[in-house]
């Protein structure tokens, strides 16, 4: 008898080469930013909070900005309380955004294809997905945000 277990995966394309697979419970919201530049900003304002943003395609190989609409998509992810920042974001680029019920028996483990910011990789339907290290990313982005805030405070103090 076949194993009928499956898992619900949220697929977040960060670049043509890197599509994350995360639990749906990690997602706070997917937002559309209007009148954006060609590259994503370092932070986004979401519900009154400045949220640090990670761009997985810093070379810009995959378009982020929709040329006709002048918009870009960002996924806001929930952080773990007490670690770095309460929320962090990823710029969404390319194809593959979606929520899928993935049969576990169809997931092929790909340990040799794990990218630097990921814990694991698997292949399903001829696509390799990355399982990101969300805690490490939250810590990294929280540190980056704290450094930017300290820099802004220092600049404001020098300008006073």
C-alpha atoms as a PDB file:
ATOM      1  CA  UNK A   1       0.000   0.000   0.000  1.00  0.00           C
ATOM      2  CA  UNK A   2       1.351   3.446  -0.955  1.00  0.00           C
ATOM      3  CA  UNK A   3       2.212   5.995   1.691  1.00  0.00           C
ATOM      4  CA  UNK A   4      -0.510   8.655   1.493  1.00  0.00           C
ATOM      5  CA  UNK A   5       1.251  11.212   3.703  1.00  0.00           C
ATOM      6  CA  UNK A   6       1.673  14.670   2.263  1.00  0.00           C
ATOM      7  CA  UNK A   7       2.863  18.036   3.427  1.00  0.00           C
ATOM      8  CA  UNK A   8       1.585  21.485   2.538  1.00  0.00           C
ATOM      9  CA  UNK A   9       4.405  23.623   1.126  1.00  0.00           C
ATOM     10  CA  UNK A  10       4.432  27.306   0.321  1.00  0.00           C
ATOM     11  CA  UNK A  11       6.777  27.886  -2.617  1.00  0.00           C
ATOM     12  CA  UNK A  12       8.496  31.283  -2.691  1.00  0.00           C
ATOM     13  CA  UNK A  13      10.648  32.017  -5.767  1.00  0.00           C
ATOM     14  CA  UNK A  14      13.586  34.232  -4.798  1.00  0.00           C
ATOM     15  CA  UNK A  15      15.409  33.761  -8.106  1.00  0.00           C
ATOM     16  CA  UNK A  16      15.350  31.461 -11.119  1.00  0.00           C
ATOM     17  CA  UNK A  17      17.744  29.143  -9.254  1.00  0.00           C
ATOM     18  CA  UNK A  18      16.301  29.380  -5.744  1.00  0.00           C
ATOM     19  CA  UNK A  19      12.717  28.566  -4.831  1.00  0.00           C
ATOM     20  CA  UNK A  20      12.069  28.196  -1.121  1.00  0.00           C
ATOM     21  CA  UNK A  21       9.701  25.626   0.358  1.00  0.00           C
ATOM     22  CA  UNK A  22       8.386  26.778   3.735  1.00  0.00           C
ATOM     23  CA  UNK A  23       5.405  25.900   5.927  1.00  0.00           C
ATOM     24  CA  UNK A  24       2.334  28.026   5.219  1.00  0.00           C
ATOM     25  CA  UNK A  25       2.321  29.054   8.890  1.00  0.00           C
ATOM     26  CA  UNK A  26       5.543  31.059   8.287  1.00  0.00           C
ATOM     27  CA  UNK A  27       3.783  33.487   5.960  1.00  0.00           C
ATOM     28  CA  UNK A  28       2.332  36.700   7.355  1.00  0.00           C
ATOM     29  CA  UNK A  29       1.342  38.195   3.991  1.00  0.00           C
ATOM     30  CA  UNK A  30       2.350  38.628   0.362  1.00  0.00           C
ATOM     31  CA  UNK A  31       2.298  42.309  -0.543  1.00  0.00           C
ATOM     32  CA  UNK A  32       2.544  44.277  -3.755  1.00  0.00           C
ATOM     33  CA  UNK A  33       4.827  47.312  -3.739  1.00  0.00           C
ATOM     34  CA  UNK A  34       3.911  50.080  -6.194  1.00  0.00           C
ATOM     35  CA  UNK A  35       6.118  52.491  -8.157  1.00  0.00           C
ATOM     36  CA  UNK A  36       9.232  50.491  -7.363  1.00  0.00           C
ATOM     37  CA  UNK A  37      12.795  50.635  -8.686  1.00  0.00           C
ATOM     38  CA  UNK A  38      14.384  47.827 -10.710  1.00  0.00           C
ATOM     39  CA  UNK A  39      15.813  46.287  -7.533  1.00  0.00           C
ATOM     40  CA  UNK A  40      14.063  45.633  -4.217  1.00  0.00           C
ATOM     41  CA  UNK A  41      14.621  48.021  -1.294  1.00  0.00           C
ATOM     42  CA  UNK A  42      16.610  46.996   1.806  1.00  0.00           C
ATOM     43  CA  UNK A  43      13.465  47.333   3.949  1.00  0.00           C
ATOM     44  CA  UNK A  44       9.720  47.555   3.412  1.00  0.00           C
ATOM     45  CA  UNK A  45       7.117  49.297   5.522  1.00  0.00           C
ATOM     46  CA  UNK A  46       4.421  46.817   6.478  1.00  0.00           C
ATOM     47  CA  UNK A  47       1.574  47.614   8.884  1.00  0.00           C
ATOM     48  CA  UNK A  48       3.604  50.368  10.510  1.00  0.00           C
ATOM     49  CA  UNK A  49       6.746  48.246  10.942  1.00  0.00           C
ATOM     50  CA  UNK A  50      10.030  48.519   9.011  1.00  0.00           C
ATOM     51  CA  UNK A  51      10.792  44.988   7.833  1.00  0.00           C
ATOM     52  CA  UNK A  52      14.259  43.972   6.548  1.00  0.00           C
ATOM     53  CA  UNK A  53      14.147  42.475   3.066  1.00  0.00           C
ATOM     54  CA  UNK A  54      16.338  39.737   1.601  1.00  0.00           C
ATOM     55  CA  UNK A  55      17.003  39.710  -2.144  1.00  0.00           C
ATOM     56  CA  UNK A  56      18.178  36.269  -3.283  1.00  0.00           C
ATOM     57  CA  UNK A  57      19.024  37.524  -6.788  1.00  0.00           C
ATOM     58  CA  UNK A  58      21.283  40.507  -6.120  1.00  0.00           C
ATOM     59  CA  UNK A  59      22.766  40.262  -9.649  1.00  0.00           C
ATOM     60  CA  UNK A  60      19.275  40.843 -11.056  1.00  0.00           C
ATOM     61  CA  UNK A  61      19.246  37.812 -13.344  1.00  0.00           C
ATOM     62  CA  UNK A  62      15.504  37.373 -12.761  1.00  0.00           C
ATOM     63  CA  UNK A  63      13.278  40.450 -13.037  1.00  0.00           C
ATOM     64  CA  UNK A  64      11.707  41.647  -9.782  1.00  0.00           C
ATOM     65  CA  UNK A  65       9.799  44.658 -11.064  1.00  0.00           C
ATOM     66  CA  UNK A  66       6.838  44.169 -13.383  1.00  0.00           C
ATOM     67  CA  UNK A  67       7.713  46.599 -16.170  1.00  0.00           C
ATOM     68  CA  UNK A  68       4.138  47.405 -17.227  1.00  0.00           C
ATOM     69  CA  UNK A  69       2.664  47.823 -13.754  1.00  0.00           C
ATOM     70  CA  UNK A  70       5.773  49.160 -11.991  1.00  0.00           C
ATOM     71  CA  UNK A  71       5.157  46.748  -9.110  1.00  0.00           C
ATOM     72  CA  UNK A  72       7.108  44.116  -7.196  1.00  0.00           C
ATOM     73  CA  UNK A  73       6.020  41.278  -4.898  1.00  0.00           C
ATOM     74  CA  UNK A  74       7.360  40.661  -1.401  1.00  0.00           C
ATOM     75  CA  UNK A  75       6.603  37.838   1.041  1.00  0.00           C
ATOM     76  CA  UNK A  76       6.510  38.922   4.692  1.00  0.00           C
ATOM     77  CA  UNK A  77       7.539  36.029   6.946  1.00  0.00           C
ATOM     78  CA  UNK A  78       6.889  35.629  10.652  1.00  0.00           C
ATOM     79  CA  UNK A  79       9.975  35.552  12.814  1.00  0.00           C
ATOM     80  CA  UNK A  80      10.444  33.690  16.060  1.00  0.00           C
ATOM     81  CA  UNK A  81       9.779  35.981  19.019  1.00  0.00           C
ATOM     82  CA  UNK A  82      12.904  37.246  20.748  1.00  0.00           C
ATOM     83  CA  UNK A  83      15.260  36.552  17.821  1.00  0.00           C
ATOM     84  CA  UNK A  84      16.484  39.426  15.718  1.00  0.00           C
ATOM     85  CA  UNK A  85      13.453  40.952  14.062  1.00  0.00           C
ATOM     86  CA  UNK A  86       9.781  40.005  14.496  1.00  0.00           C
ATOM     87  CA  UNK A  87       9.236  39.890  10.712  1.00  0.00           C
ATOM     88  CA  UNK A  88      11.457  39.639   7.666  1.00  0.00           C
ATOM     89  CA  UNK A  89      10.782  39.666   3.955  1.00  0.00           C
ATOM     90  CA  UNK A  90      11.942  38.068   0.721  1.00  0.00           C
ATOM     91  CA  UNK A  91      11.688  39.669  -2.710  1.00  0.00           C
ATOM     92  CA  UNK A  92       9.717  37.348  -5.002  1.00  0.00           C
ATOM     93  CA  UNK A  93      11.218  36.898  -8.468  1.00  0.00           C
ATOM     94  CA  UNK A  94      10.327  34.612 -11.341  1.00  0.00           C
ATOM     95  CA  UNK A  95       7.948  31.679 -11.555  1.00  0.00           C
ATOM     96  CA  UNK A  96       6.796  29.155  -8.981  1.00  0.00           C
ATOM     97  CA  UNK A  97       4.869  31.093  -6.319  1.00  0.00           C
ATOM     98  CA  UNK A  98       2.164  28.903  -4.849  1.00  0.00           C
ATOM     99  CA  UNK A  99       0.795  26.656  -2.148  1.00  0.00           C
ATOM    100  CA  UNK A 100       0.869  22.928  -2.903  1.00  0.00           C
ATOM    101  CA  UNK A 101      -0.009  19.687  -1.167  1.00  0.00           C
ATOM    102  CA  UNK A 102       3.146  17.629  -1.824  1.00  0.00           C
ATOM    103  CA  UNK A 103       3.053  13.832  -1.379  1.00  0.00           C
ATOM    104  CA  UNK A 104       6.043  12.922   0.797  1.00  0.00           C
ATOM    105  CA  UNK A 105       6.790   9.805  -1.270  1.00  0.00           C
ATOM    106  CA  UNK A 106       7.262  12.025  -4.364  1.00  0.00           C
ATOM    107  CA  UNK A 107       9.859  14.268  -2.680  1.00  0.00           C
ATOM    108  CA  UNK A 108      13.394  13.305  -3.700  1.00  0.00           C
ATOM    109  CA  UNK A 109      16.062  14.381  -1.203  1.00  0.00           C
ATOM    110  CA  UNK A 110      18.885  16.338  -2.905  1.00  0.00           C
ATOM    111  CA  UNK A 111      21.622  16.881  -0.269  1.00  0.00           C
ATOM    112  CA  UNK A 112      24.175  17.739  -2.962  1.00  0.00           C
ATOM    113  CA  UNK A 113      22.064  20.677  -4.171  1.00  0.00           C
ATOM    114  CA  UNK A 114      21.643  22.506  -0.849  1.00  0.00           C
ATOM    115  CA  UNK A 115      22.430  26.213  -1.265  1.00  0.00           C
ATOM    116  CA  UNK A 116      24.319  28.268   1.385  1.00  0.00           C
ATOM    117  CA  UNK A 117      21.290  29.717   3.232  1.00  0.00           C
ATOM    118  CA  UNK A 118      19.395  26.411   3.290  1.00  0.00           C
ATOM    119  CA  UNK A 119      19.178  23.369   5.542  1.00  0.00           C
ATOM    120  CA  UNK A 120      17.992  20.918   2.863  1.00  0.00           C
ATOM    121  CA  UNK A 121      16.883  20.596  -0.739  1.00  0.00           C
ATOM    122  CA  UNK A 122      14.378  18.309  -2.439  1.00  0.00           C
ATOM    123  CA  UNK A 123      13.118  17.702  -5.948  1.00  0.00           C
ATOM    124  CA  UNK A 124       9.436  17.458  -6.824  1.00  0.00           C
ATOM    125  CA  UNK A 125       7.803  17.694 -10.262  1.00  0.00           C
ATOM    126  CA  UNK A 126      11.220  18.282 -11.897  1.00  0.00           C
ATOM    127  CA  UNK A 127      11.964  21.356  -9.753  1.00  0.00           C
ATOM    128  CA  UNK A 128      14.513  21.575  -6.933  1.00  0.00           C
ATOM    129  CA  UNK A 129      13.279  23.444  -3.856  1.00  0.00           C
ATOM    130  CA  UNK A 130      15.364  24.811  -0.984  1.00  0.00           C
ATOM    131  CA  UNK A 131      14.355  24.519   2.670  1.00  0.00           C
ATOM    132  CA  UNK A 132      15.824  27.751   4.080  1.00  0.00           C
ATOM    133  CA  UNK A 133      17.354  28.148   7.526  1.00  0.00           C
ATOM    134  CA  UNK A 134      14.739  30.675   8.638  1.00  0.00           C
ATOM    135  CA  UNK A 135      16.195  31.166  12.134  1.00  0.00           C
ATOM    136  CA  UNK A 136      19.655  32.001  10.782  1.00  0.00           C
ATOM    137  CA  UNK A 137      18.122  34.335   8.188  1.00  0.00           C
ATOM    138  CA  UNK A 138      16.056  36.063  10.863  1.00  0.00           C
ATOM    139  CA  UNK A 139      19.179  36.562  12.982  1.00  0.00           C
ATOM    140  CA  UNK A 140      21.181  37.824   9.973  1.00  0.00           C
ATOM    141  CA  UNK A 141      18.509  40.291   8.891  1.00  0.00           C
ATOM    142  CA  UNK A 142      17.860  41.415  12.474  1.00  0.00           C
ATOM    143  CA  UNK A 143      21.577  42.183  12.885  1.00  0.00           C
ATOM    144  CA  UNK A 144      21.611  44.043   9.574  1.00  0.00           C
ATOM    145  CA  UNK A 145      18.558  46.068  10.611  1.00  0.00           C
ATOM    146  CA  UNK A 146      20.118  46.900  14.009  1.00  0.00           C
ATOM    147  CA  UNK A 147      23.328  48.050  12.301  1.00  0.00           C
ATOM    148  CA  UNK A 148      21.358  50.276   9.907  1.00  0.00           C
ATOM    149  CA  UNK A 149      19.398  51.773  12.815  1.00  0.00           C
ATOM    150  CA  UNK A 150      22.607  52.475  14.745  1.00  0.00           C
ATOM    151  CA  UNK A 151      24.130  54.080  11.643  1.00  0.00           C
ATOM    152  CA  UNK A 152      21.048  56.293  11.185  1.00  0.00           C
ATOM    153  CA  UNK A 153      21.143  57.350  14.851  1.00  0.00           C
ATOM    154  CA  UNK A 154      24.839  58.186  14.561  1.00  0.00           C
ATOM    155  CA  UNK A 155      24.242  60.206  11.387  1.00  0.00           C
ATOM    156  CA  UNK A 156      21.339  62.041  13.011  1.00  0.00           C
ATOM    157  CA  UNK A 157      23.493  62.808  16.061  1.00  0.00           C
ATOM    158  CA  UNK A 158      26.330  64.165  13.937  1.00  0.00           C
ATOM    159  CA  UNK A 159      23.944  66.311  11.942  1.00  0.00           C
ATOM    160  CA  UNK A 160      22.372  67.851  15.031  1.00  0.00           C
END
